[in-house]
C-alpha atoms as a PDB file:
ATOM      1  CA  MET A   1     -30.196   5.095  -0.097  1.00  0.00           C
ATOM      2  CA  THR A   2     -27.871   8.137  -0.064  1.00  0.00           C
ATOM      3  CA  GLU A   3     -24.279   7.990  -1.285  1.00  0.00           C
ATOM      4  CA  SER A   4     -23.061   8.169   2.315  1.00  0.00           C
ATOM      5  CA  GLU A   5     -25.325   5.304   3.327  1.00  0.00           C
ATOM      6  CA  THR A   6     -24.069   3.250   0.383  1.00  0.00           C
ATOM      7  CA  LEU A   7     -20.474   3.819   1.447  1.00  0.00           C
ATOM      8  CA  MET A   8     -21.197   3.008   5.092  1.00  0.00           C
ATOM      9  CA  LYS A   9     -22.900  -0.206   4.003  1.00  0.00           C
ATOM     10  CA  SER A  10     -19.702  -1.180   2.170  1.00  0.00           C
ATOM     11  CA  LEU A  11     -17.667  -0.317   5.257  1.00  0.00           C
ATOM     12  CA  GLY A  12     -20.050  -2.223   7.517  1.00  0.00           C
ATOM     13  CA  VAL A  13     -20.149   0.533  10.126  1.00  0.00           C
ATOM     14  CA  HIS A  14     -22.100   3.700  10.840  1.00  0.00           C
ATOM     15  CA  ILE A  15     -20.061   6.897  10.813  1.00  0.00           C
ATOM     16  CA  ASP A  16     -21.280  10.294  11.912  1.00  0.00           C
ATOM     17  CA  PRO A  17     -22.312  12.062   8.659  1.00  0.00           C
ATOM     18  CA  GLY A  18     -20.274  15.146   9.492  1.00  0.00           C
ATOM     19  CA  ALA A  19     -17.166  13.097  10.227  1.00  0.00           C
ATOM     20  CA  LEU A  20     -17.616  11.067   7.064  1.00  0.00           C
ATOM     21  CA  ARG A  21     -18.071  14.192   4.957  1.00  0.00           C
ATOM     22  CA  LEU A  22     -14.868  15.611   6.405  1.00  0.00           C
ATOM     23  CA  ALA A  23     -13.026  12.337   5.776  1.00  0.00           C
ATOM     24  CA  LEU A  24     -14.000  12.575   2.108  1.00  0.00           C
ATOM     25  CA  THR A  25     -12.905  16.210   1.682  1.00  0.00           C
ATOM     26  CA  HIS A  26      -9.626  16.410  -0.214  1.00  0.00           C
ATOM     27  CA  ARG A  27      -7.581  19.583   0.163  1.00  0.00           C
ATOM     28  CA  SER A  28      -8.134  20.457  -3.511  1.00  0.00           C
ATOM     29  CA  TYR A  29     -11.888  20.683  -2.887  1.00  0.00           C
ATOM     30  CA  ALA A  30     -11.440  22.589   0.363  1.00  0.00           C
ATOM     31  CA  TYR A  31      -9.216  25.232  -1.242  1.00  0.00           C
ATOM     32  CA  GLU A  32     -11.791  25.846  -3.965  1.00  0.00           C
ATOM     33  CA  ASN A  33     -14.613  26.218  -1.453  1.00  0.00           C
ATOM     34  CA  SER A  34     -13.634  29.028   0.891  1.00  0.00           C
ATOM     35  CA  GLY A  35     -10.987  27.044   2.722  1.00  0.00           C
ATOM     36  CA  LEU A  36     -13.172  24.305   4.182  1.00  0.00           C
ATOM     37  CA  PRO A  37     -11.488  21.940   6.647  1.00  0.00           C
ATOM     38  CA  THR A  38      -9.657  19.095   4.884  1.00  0.00           C
ATOM     39  CA  ASN A  39      -9.410  15.412   5.754  1.00  0.00           C
ATOM     40  CA  GLU A  40      -5.708  15.652   6.618  1.00  0.00           C
ATOM     41  CA  ARG A  41      -6.130  15.627  10.417  1.00  0.00           C
ATOM     42  CA  LEU A  42      -8.419  12.590  10.165  1.00  0.00           C
ATOM     43  CA  GLU A  43      -5.860  10.976   7.873  1.00  0.00           C
ATOM     44  CA  PHE A  44      -3.219  11.488  10.572  1.00  0.00           C
ATOM     45  CA  LEU A  45      -5.487   9.893  13.175  1.00  0.00           C
ATOM     46  CA  GLY A  46      -6.548   7.020  10.943  1.00  0.00           C
ATOM     47  CA  ASP A  47      -2.946   6.193  10.094  1.00  0.00           C
ATOM     48  CA  ALA A  48      -2.162   5.823  13.803  1.00  0.00           C
ATOM     49  CA  VAL A  49      -5.179   3.549  14.363  1.00  0.00           C
ATOM     50  CA  LEU A  50      -4.273   1.475  11.303  1.00  0.00           C
ATOM     51  CA  GLN A  51      -0.648   1.045  12.368  1.00  0.00           C
ATOM     52  CA  LEU A  52      -1.592  -0.006  15.911  1.00  0.00           C
ATOM     53  CA  VAL A  53      -4.269  -2.491  14.821  1.00  0.00           C
ATOM     54  CA  VAL A  54      -2.089  -4.108  12.161  1.00  0.00           C
ATOM     55  CA  THR A  55       0.946  -4.249  14.467  1.00  0.00           C
ATOM     56  CA  ASP A  56      -1.085  -5.867  17.241  1.00  0.00           C
ATOM     57  CA  TYR A  57      -2.603  -8.362  14.809  1.00  0.00           C
ATOM     58  CA  LEU A  58       0.756  -9.399  13.358  1.00  0.00           C
ATOM     59  CA  TYR A  59       2.340  -9.663  16.809  1.00  0.00           C
ATOM     60  CA  SER A  60      -0.485 -11.897  18.073  1.00  0.00           C
ATOM     61  CA  THR A  61      -0.893 -14.006  14.936  1.00  0.00           C
ATOM     62  CA  PHE A  62       2.677 -14.740  13.868  1.00  0.00           C
ATOM     63  CA  GLU A  63       4.151 -15.678  17.232  1.00  0.00           C
ATOM     64  CA  ASP A  64       7.377 -17.195  15.904  1.00  0.00           C
ATOM     65  CA  LEU A  65       8.395 -14.269  13.683  1.00  0.00           C
ATOM     66  CA  ALA A  66      11.187 -12.058  14.983  1.00  0.00           C
ATOM     67  CA  GLU A  67      10.873  -8.281  15.225  1.00  0.00           C
ATOM     68  CA  GLY A  68      12.789  -7.750  12.007  1.00  0.00           C
ATOM     69  CA  GLU A  69      10.519 -10.117  10.095  1.00  0.00           C
ATOM     70  CA  LEU A  70       7.373  -8.478  11.470  1.00  0.00           C
ATOM     71  CA  ALA A  71       8.780  -5.089  10.504  1.00  0.00           C
ATOM     72  CA  LYS A  72       9.115  -6.289   6.912  1.00  0.00           C
ATOM     73  CA  LEU A  73       5.629  -7.793   6.816  1.00  0.00           C
ATOM     74  CA  ARG A  74       3.720  -4.787   8.176  1.00  0.00           C
ATOM     75  CA  PRO A  75       4.495  -2.350   5.319  1.00  0.00           C
ATOM     76  CA  ALA A  76       2.851  -4.687   2.818  1.00  0.00           C
ATOM     77  CA  LEU A  77      -0.457  -4.367   4.703  1.00  0.00           C
ATOM     78  CA  VAL A  78      -0.405  -0.601   5.252  1.00  0.00           C
ATOM     79  CA  SER A  79       1.250   0.559   2.035  1.00  0.00           C
ATOM     80  CA  THR A  80      -0.284   3.123  -0.283  1.00  0.00           C
ATOM     81  CA  ARG A  81      -0.963   0.420  -2.857  1.00  0.00           C
ATOM     82  CA  ALA A  82      -2.624  -1.875  -0.322  1.00  0.00           C
ATOM     83  CA  LEU A  83      -4.874   0.890   1.001  1.00  0.00           C
ATOM     84  CA  ALA A  84      -5.739   2.009  -2.524  1.00  0.00           C
ATOM     85  CA  ARG A  85      -6.649  -1.579  -3.333  1.00  0.00           C
ATOM     86  CA  ILE A  86      -9.022  -1.670  -0.359  1.00  0.00           C
ATOM     87  CA  ALA A  87     -10.500   1.710  -1.331  1.00  0.00           C
ATOM     88  CA  ARG A  88     -11.256   0.459  -4.846  1.00  0.00           C
ATOM     89  CA  THR A  89     -12.917  -2.655  -3.448  1.00  0.00           C
ATOM     90  CA  LEU A  90     -15.179  -0.413  -1.371  1.00  0.00           C
ATOM     91  CA  GLY A  91     -15.923   1.881  -4.307  1.00  0.00           C
ATOM     92  CA  LEU A  92     -14.531   4.817  -2.346  1.00  0.00           C
ATOM     93  CA  GLY A  93     -13.271   6.900  -5.285  1.00  0.00           C
ATOM     94  CA  PRO A  94     -16.581   8.391  -6.508  1.00  0.00           C
ATOM     95  CA  HIS A  95     -17.397   9.573  -2.975  1.00  0.00           C
ATOM     96  CA  ILE A  96     -14.230  11.689  -2.551  1.00  0.00           C
ATOM     97  CA  ARG A  97     -14.811  15.443  -2.811  1.00  0.00           C
ATOM     98  CA  LEU A  98     -12.151  16.743  -5.191  1.00  0.00           C
ATOM     99  CA  GLY A  99     -11.299  20.089  -6.743  1.00  0.00           C
ATOM    100  CA  THR A 100     -11.692  20.707 -10.460  1.00  0.00           C
ATOM    101  CA  GLY A 101      -8.000  20.108 -11.150  1.00  0.00           C
ATOM    102  CA  GLU A 102      -8.003  16.688  -9.511  1.00  0.00           C
ATOM    103  CA  LEU A 103     -11.282  15.796 -11.186  1.00  0.00           C
ATOM    104  CA  ARG A 104      -9.739  16.684 -14.527  1.00  0.00           C
ATOM    105  CA  THR A 105      -6.764  14.404 -13.897  1.00  0.00           C
ATOM    106  CA  GLN A 106      -8.905  11.561 -12.496  1.00  0.00           C
ATOM    107  CA  GLY A 107      -7.780  12.095  -8.932  1.00  0.00           C
ATOM    108  CA  ALA A 108     -10.316   9.591  -7.650  1.00  0.00           C
ATOM    109  CA  GLU A 109      -8.226   6.861  -9.305  1.00  0.00           C
ATOM    110  CA  LYS A 110      -4.861   7.950  -7.902  1.00  0.00           C
ATOM    111  CA  ASP A 111      -3.379   5.535  -5.367  1.00  0.00           C
ATOM    112  CA  SER A 112      -2.149   8.350  -3.128  1.00  0.00           C
ATOM    113  CA  ILE A 113      -5.551  10.054  -2.861  1.00  0.00           C
ATOM    114  CA  LEU A 114      -7.406   6.769  -2.373  1.00  0.00           C
ATOM    115  CA  ALA A 115      -4.982   5.637   0.346  1.00  0.00           C
ATOM    116  CA  ASP A 116      -5.012   8.965   2.209  1.00  0.00           C
ATOM    117  CA  THR A 117      -8.816   9.060   2.109  1.00  0.00           C
ATOM    118  CA  MET A 118      -8.999   5.478   3.343  1.00  0.00           C
ATOM    119  CA  GLU A 119      -6.924   6.451   6.379  1.00  0.00           C
ATOM    120  CA  ALA A 120      -9.201   9.452   6.970  1.00  0.00           C
ATOM    121  CA  VAL A 121     -12.270   7.200   6.852  1.00  0.00           C
ATOM    122  CA  ILE A 122     -10.656   4.902   9.432  1.00  0.00           C
ATOM    123  CA  GLY A 123     -10.058   7.985  11.582  1.00  0.00           C
ATOM    124  CA  ALA A 124     -13.714   8.977  11.220  1.00  0.00           C
ATOM    125  CA  ALA A 125     -14.832   5.462  12.170  1.00  0.00           C
ATOM    126  CA  TYR A 126     -12.664   5.684  15.289  1.00  0.00           C
ATOM    127  CA  LEU A 127     -14.086   9.065  16.320  1.00  0.00           C
ATOM    128  CA  SER A 128     -17.657   7.943  15.711  1.00  0.00           C
ATOM    129  CA  ASN A 129     -17.528   4.531  17.358  1.00  0.00           C
ATOM    130  CA  GLY A 130     -14.410   4.143  19.464  1.00  0.00           C
ATOM    131  CA  PHE A 131     -11.367   1.938  19.140  1.00  0.00           C
ATOM    132  CA  GLU A 132     -12.916  -1.555  19.191  1.00  0.00           C
ATOM    133  CA  THR A 133     -15.260  -0.810  16.297  1.00  0.00           C
ATOM    134  CA  ALA A 134     -12.481   0.864  14.333  1.00  0.00           C
ATOM    135  CA  ARG A 135     -10.288  -2.158  15.061  1.00  0.00           C
ATOM    136  CA  SER A 136     -12.886  -4.565  13.679  1.00  0.00           C
ATOM    137  CA  VAL A 137     -13.244  -2.439  10.540  1.00  0.00           C
ATOM    138  CA  VAL A 138      -9.492  -2.400   9.950  1.00  0.00           C
ATOM    139  CA  LEU A 139      -9.136  -6.151  10.487  1.00  0.00           C
ATOM    140  CA  ARG A 140     -12.063  -6.923   8.187  1.00  0.00           C
ATOM    141  CA  LEU A 141     -10.580  -4.785   5.428  1.00  0.00           C
ATOM    142  CA  VAL A 142      -6.863  -5.524   5.838  1.00  0.00           C
ATOM    143  CA  THR A 143      -6.449  -9.158   6.844  1.00  0.00           C
ATOM    144  CA  PRO A 144      -7.830 -10.581   3.549  1.00  0.00           C
ATOM    145  CA  LEU A 145      -4.736  -9.102   1.896  1.00  0.00           C
ATOM    146  CA  LEU A 146      -2.650 -11.767   3.643  1.00  0.00           C
ATOM    147  CA  SER A 147      -4.111 -14.386   1.322  1.00  0.00           C
ATOM    148  CA  ASP A 148      -3.526 -12.230  -1.757  1.00  0.00           C
ATOM    149  CA  LYS A 149       0.078 -12.675  -2.890  1.00  0.00           C
ATOM    150  CA  GLU A 150      -0.197  -9.887  -5.468  1.00  0.00           C
ATOM    151  CA  ALA A 151      -1.358  -7.438  -2.809  1.00  0.00           C
ATOM    152  CA  MET A 152       1.290  -8.553  -0.339  1.00  0.00           C
ATOM    153  CA  THR A 153       4.165  -8.082  -2.742  1.00  0.00           C
ATOM    154  CA  ALA A 154       2.797  -4.816  -4.167  1.00  0.00           C
ATOM    155  CA  GLY A 155       4.087  -2.867  -1.208  1.00  0.00           C
ATOM    156  CA  LYS A 156       7.439  -4.593  -1.070  1.00  0.00           C
ATOM    157  CA  ASP A 157      10.462  -2.304  -1.245  1.00  0.00           C
ATOM    158  CA  TRP A 158      12.433  -4.471  -3.653  1.00  0.00           C
ATOM    159  CA  LYS A 159      15.184  -1.900  -4.261  1.00  0.00           C
ATOM    160  CA  THR A 160      15.965  -1.667  -0.553  1.00  0.00           C
ATOM    161  CA  THR A 161      16.019  -5.454  -0.331  1.00  0.00           C
ATOM    162  CA  VAL A 162      18.531  -5.627  -3.186  1.00  0.00           C
ATOM    163  CA  GLN A 163      20.752  -3.119  -1.353  1.00  0.00           C
ATOM    164  CA  GLU A 164      20.510  -5.128   1.871  1.00  0.00           C
ATOM    165  CA  LEU A 165      21.352  -8.420   0.162  1.00  0.00           C
ATOM    166  CA  ALA A 166      24.257  -6.926  -1.781  1.00  0.00           C
ATOM    167  CA  ALA A 167      25.691  -5.328   1.366  1.00  0.00           C
ATOM    168  CA  ALA A 168      25.268  -8.479   3.463  1.00  0.00           C
ATOM    169  CA  ARG A 169      27.124 -10.519   0.859  1.00  0.00           C
ATOM    170  CA  ALA A 170      29.742  -7.855   0.066  1.00  0.00           C
ATOM    171  CA  MET A 171      28.827  -8.066  -3.617  1.00  0.00           C
ATOM    172  CA  GLY A 172      29.624  -4.453  -4.503  1.00  0.00           C
ATOM    173  CA  ASP A 173      27.696  -1.378  -5.577  1.00  0.00           C
ATOM    174  CA  VAL A 174      24.169  -1.686  -6.949  1.00  0.00           C
ATOM    175  CA  ARG A 175      23.435   0.193 -10.163  1.00  0.00           C
ATOM    176  CA  TYR A 176      20.428   0.372 -12.482  1.00  0.00           C
ATOM    177  CA  MET A 177      20.856   0.634 -16.235  1.00  0.00           C
ATOM    178  CA  VAL A 178      17.694   1.944 -17.896  1.00  0.00           C
ATOM    179  CA  GLU A 179      16.790   2.249 -21.565  1.00  0.00           C
ATOM    180  CA  ASP A 180      13.551   3.423 -23.163  1.00  0.00           C
ATOM    181  CA  PHE A 181      11.777   2.198 -26.265  1.00  0.00           C
ATOM    182  CA  GLY A 182       8.581   2.929 -28.171  1.00  0.00           C
ATOM    183  CA  PRO A 183       7.071   6.192 -29.486  1.00  0.00           C
ATOM    184  CA  ASP A 184       7.418   9.417 -27.474  1.00  0.00           C
ATOM    185  CA  HIS A 185       3.732   9.466 -26.549  1.00  0.00           C
ATOM    186  CA  SER A 186       3.814   5.891 -25.241  1.00  0.00           C
ATOM    187  CA  LYS A 187       7.294   5.053 -24.020  1.00  0.00           C
ATOM    188  CA  SER A 188       8.195   1.920 -22.131  1.00  0.00           C
ATOM    189  CA  PHE A 189      11.323   1.339 -20.085  1.00  0.00           C
ATOM    190  CA  ARG A 190      13.645  -1.610 -19.516  1.00  0.00           C
ATOM    191  CA  ALA A 191      15.934  -1.725 -16.488  1.00  0.00           C
ATOM    192  CA  THR A 192      18.756  -4.079 -15.588  1.00  0.00           C
ATOM    193  CA  VAL A 193      20.263  -4.412 -12.115  1.00  0.00           C
ATOM    194  CA  ALA A 194      24.052  -4.633 -11.960  1.00  0.00           C
ATOM    195  CA  ILE A 195      25.767  -5.578  -8.691  1.00  0.00           C
ATOM    196  CA  GLY A 196      29.516  -5.175  -8.572  1.00  0.00           C
ATOM    197  CA  GLY A 197      29.436  -4.836 -12.350  1.00  0.00           C
ATOM    198  CA  THR A 198      27.622  -8.151 -12.847  1.00  0.00           C
ATOM    199  CA  PRO A 199      24.146  -7.970 -14.447  1.00  0.00           C
ATOM    200  CA  PHE A 200      21.269  -9.644 -12.620  1.00  0.00           C
ATOM    201  CA  GLY A 201      17.531  -9.140 -12.966  1.00  0.00           C
ATOM    202  CA  GLN A 202      15.821  -7.271 -15.780  1.00  0.00           C
ATOM    203  CA  GLY A 203      12.412  -5.611 -15.592  1.00  0.00           C
ATOM    204  CA  THR A 204      10.062  -3.428 -17.615  1.00  0.00           C
ATOM    205  CA  GLY A 205       7.542  -0.717 -16.857  1.00  0.00           C
ATOM    206  CA  THR A 206       5.777   2.393 -18.113  1.00  0.00           C
ATOM    207  CA  SER A 207       8.174   4.584 -16.093  1.00  0.00           C
ATOM    208  CA  LYS A 208      11.828   4.367 -15.080  1.00  0.00           C
ATOM    209  CA  LYS A 209      10.776   3.854 -11.468  1.00  0.00           C
ATOM    210  CA  ASP A 210       8.463   0.952 -12.290  1.00  0.00           C
ATOM    211  CA  ALA A 211      11.082  -0.685 -14.512  1.00  0.00           C
ATOM    212  CA  GLU A 212      13.742  -0.420 -11.794  1.00  0.00           C
ATOM    213  CA  ARG A 213      11.361  -1.807  -9.187  1.00  0.00           C
ATOM    214  CA  ASP A 214      10.473  -4.745 -11.432  1.00  0.00           C
ATOM    215  CA  ALA A 215      14.152  -5.429 -12.116  1.00  0.00           C
ATOM    216  CA  ALA A 216      14.867  -5.314  -8.376  1.00  0.00           C
ATOM    217  CA  ARG A 217      12.053  -7.808  -7.750  1.00  0.00           C
ATOM    218  CA  VAL A 218      13.516 -10.238 -10.294  1.00  0.00           C
ATOM    219  CA  THR A 219      16.967  -9.766  -8.753  1.00  0.00           C
ATOM    220  CA  VAL A 220      15.674 -10.549  -5.253  1.00  0.00           C
ATOM    221  CA  GLU A 221      14.091 -13.736  -6.588  1.00  0.00           C
ATOM    222  CA  GLU A 222      17.412 -14.707  -8.178  1.00  0.00           C
ATOM    223  CA  LEU A 223      19.415 -13.957  -5.035  1.00  0.00           C
ATOM    224  CA  THR A 224      17.001 -15.721  -2.685  1.00  0.00           C
ATOM    225  CA  SER A 225      16.343 -18.815  -4.760  1.00  0.00           C
ATOM    226  CA  GLY A 226      17.660 -20.971  -1.901  1.00  0.00           C
ATOM    227  CA  ARG A 227      14.920 -22.000   0.563  1.00  0.00           C
ATOM    228  CA  GLY A 228      17.033 -20.998   3.541  1.00  0.00           C
ATOM    229  CA  GLU A 229      17.151 -17.393   2.297  1.00  0.00           C
ATOM    230  CA  ALA A 230      13.513 -17.110   1.220  1.00  0.00           C
ATOM    231  CA  ASP A 231      11.953 -13.671   1.134  1.00  0.00           C
ATOM    232  CA  ILE A 232       9.929 -12.981   4.279  1.00  0.00           C
ATOM    233  CA  LEU A 233       6.652 -12.372   2.462  1.00  0.00           C
ATOM    234  CA  THR A 234       6.905 -15.630   0.558  1.00  0.00           C
ATOM    235  CA  LEU A 235       7.901 -17.342   3.803  1.00  0.00           C
ATOM    236  CA  VAL A 236       4.790 -16.098   5.585  1.00  0.00           C
ATOM    237  CA  LEU A 237       2.515 -16.983   2.680  1.00  0.00           C
ATOM    238  CA  ASP A 238       3.950 -20.493   2.455  1.00  0.00           C
ATOM    239  CA  ARG A 239       4.055 -21.132   6.188  1.00  0.00           C
ATOM    240  CA  TYR A 240       0.733 -19.790   7.376  1.00  0.00           C
ATOM    241  CA  LEU A 241      -1.823 -19.380   4.645  1.00  0.00           C
ATOM    242  CA  PRO A 242      -2.318 -23.004   3.578  1.00  0.00           C
ATOM    243  CA  ALA A 243      -3.121 -23.894   7.187  1.00  0.00           C
ATOM    244  CA  ALA A 244      -5.425 -20.914   7.538  1.00  0.00           C
ATOM    245  CA  GLU A 245      -7.358 -21.862   4.422  1.00  0.00           C
END
């Protein structure tokens, strides 16, 4: 079985070999090989198919959720982290054609490259088989994430949520205080969220961004501890998934 056949078996769909090869061609590889076509146009197409399928699924499945709630739920299913998670499950990384620079920096493990390639593969599946087949592929790959709380919250924009909650409650400006610790070659960061000068959640991470995001997540949990103000992702998980299981 060829590498392409192995990948298509994981995907559960046949894709035209030429389209699949193009979907797996990162721009770094193309630039090093006489300017071959890249997967970016297929990525554009696949993103559109993904967005439509997921939007239709959420609209049809969660009939009592308002537009604003659906708009918060969708990003968790189509985020870079969610798509990268799917790509890793499929073993997509080793199949991506990368340039020497990206190979040197382990580009096949980068969330951004995995997610972009996943969208390109969806685009290739659409071109090879039409919308209904592409739709079934997307649903088979994406909907299991709904029962995975870690995956659902991975794409959550916690910092934006903190801003929205603080503004809605007139609590004051949101600020992040960050400090680093550990040796220079392996620093860690600790962030604390302050709203209106009052400290709230604290988080840690291997970068300032990750520490701030973790602190924002803790802050959201503190601010929405009341059941009536539950976060929409937790609300969906609690309301629908036990019944579905």
